[in-house]
Amino acid sequence: TRDWGTRMKNKRMGVRKGFPDYAICLKNKLLFVELKRIQKSIVSGEQLVWVEALNKIKGVSAKICLGANEAIKFVEEELKPLKTN
C-alpha cells in the first residue's frame, strides 16, 4: 500500500511484504494462494521467496495464480488426494 498510515498499521499487526493473499485450511493440508490479475501482473521478489519457503513445509502448498480460474483449479487439484482418503 502507498498510504503511510496503513503501512504503519500493517507493520504493527505483523503484516509482512509478499505474504500470500489467501490461506485455505483443508483436512491435513494448508494452502496459500497469491492471486494476480491475468494481464499485466507483476510478481515481486518477496512473493516468490514466500511461496518457495512455504512449499518446503510438509503439508503446505503455495502457488501464485493468474486469475480466479487458476486459483480454483489449484484448490480442486489439492482436494483430490484428500477425497480418496
Protein backbone atom coordinates (compact mmCIF):
# COMPACT_ATOMS: atom_id res chain seq x y z
CA THR A 1 0.00 0.00 0.00
CA ARG A 2 1.14 3.54 -0.65
CA ASP A 3 -0.61 5.11 2.34
CA TRP A 4 1.93 5.67 5.11
CA GLY A 5 -0.62 5.30 7.91
CA THR A 6 -1.85 1.97 6.56
CA ARG A 7 1.73 0.76 6.18
CA MET A 8 2.50 1.56 9.81
CA LYS A 9 -0.72 -0.11 10.99
CA ASN A 10 0.11 -3.23 8.96
CA LYS A 11 3.62 -3.32 10.36
CA ARG A 12 2.32 -3.14 13.93
CA MET A 13 -0.09 -6.00 13.15
CA GLY A 14 2.77 -8.16 11.83
CA VAL A 15 1.90 -7.98 8.13
CA ARG A 16 4.95 -8.83 6.02
CA LYS A 17 5.67 -7.92 2.39
CA GLY A 18 4.88 -10.61 -0.14
CA PHE A 19 2.89 -12.97 2.10
CA PRO A 20 0.16 -14.72 0.03
CA ASP A 21 -3.32 -13.21 -0.17
CA TYR A 22 -5.25 -16.29 0.92
CA ALA A 23 -4.70 -19.11 3.40
CA ILE A 24 -7.03 -22.08 2.95
CA CYS A 25 -7.30 -24.75 5.63
CA LEU A 26 -8.11 -28.26 4.42
CA LYS A 27 -8.12 -31.57 6.22
CA ASN A 28 -4.43 -32.30 6.91
CA LYS A 29 -3.27 -29.61 4.48
CA LEU A 30 -2.77 -25.86 4.33
CA LEU A 31 -2.88 -23.94 1.03
CA PHE A 32 -1.63 -20.46 0.28
CA VAL A 33 -2.68 -18.55 -2.82
CA GLU A 34 -1.17 -15.35 -4.14
CA LEU A 35 -3.78 -14.08 -6.57
CA LYS A 36 -2.69 -11.96 -9.52
CA ARG A 37 -4.50 -10.42 -12.47
CA ILE A 38 -4.24 -12.41 -15.67
CA GLN A 39 -2.77 -9.49 -17.60
CA LYS A 40 -0.10 -7.01 -16.58
CA SER A 41 0.56 -8.53 -13.18
CA ILE A 42 3.93 -8.27 -11.50
CA VAL A 43 5.21 -10.86 -9.07
CA SER A 44 7.55 -9.35 -6.51
CA GLY A 45 10.71 -10.96 -5.23
CA GLU A 46 9.18 -11.15 -1.77
CA GLN A 47 6.19 -13.09 -3.12
CA LEU A 48 8.48 -15.60 -4.82
CA VAL A 49 10.50 -16.04 -1.62
CA TRP A 50 7.36 -16.64 0.47
CA VAL A 51 5.89 -19.19 -1.96
CA GLU A 52 9.20 -21.04 -2.20
CA ALA A 53 9.62 -21.12 1.59
CA LEU A 54 6.03 -22.23 2.23
CA ASN A 55 6.32 -25.07 -0.30
CA LYS A 56 9.23 -26.51 1.71
CA ILE A 57 6.93 -27.15 4.68
CA LYS A 58 5.35 -30.60 4.92
CA GLY A 59 1.57 -30.44 4.45
CA VAL A 60 1.68 -26.99 2.87
CA SER A 61 1.20 -25.99 -0.78
CA ALA A 62 1.57 -22.46 -2.08
CA LYS A 63 1.12 -21.06 -5.57
CA ILE A 64 0.98 -17.77 -7.44
CA CYS A 65 -2.19 -17.93 -9.54
CA LEU A 66 -3.04 -15.75 -12.52
CA GLY A 67 -6.77 -15.16 -12.14
CA ALA A 68 -9.51 -16.83 -10.13
CA ASN A 69 -9.87 -19.79 -12.50
CA GLU A 70 -6.27 -20.84 -11.94
CA ALA A 71 -6.71 -20.47 -8.17
CA ILE A 72 -9.88 -22.60 -8.24
CA LYS A 73 -8.11 -25.27 -10.30
CA PHE A 74 -5.19 -25.28 -7.82
CA VAL A 75 -7.52 -25.78 -4.85
CA GLU A 76 -9.50 -28.50 -6.65
CA GLU A 77 -6.28 -30.38 -7.52
CA GLU A 78 -5.16 -30.21 -3.89
CA LEU A 79 -8.56 -31.56 -2.77
CA LYS A 80 -8.39 -34.68 -4.99
CA PRO A 81 -5.97 -36.68 -2.82
CA LEU A 82 -7.98 -35.78 0.29
CA LYS A 83 -11.22 -37.13 -1.22
CA THR A 84 -9.69 -40.56 -1.83
CA ASN A 85 -8.67 -40.97 1.83
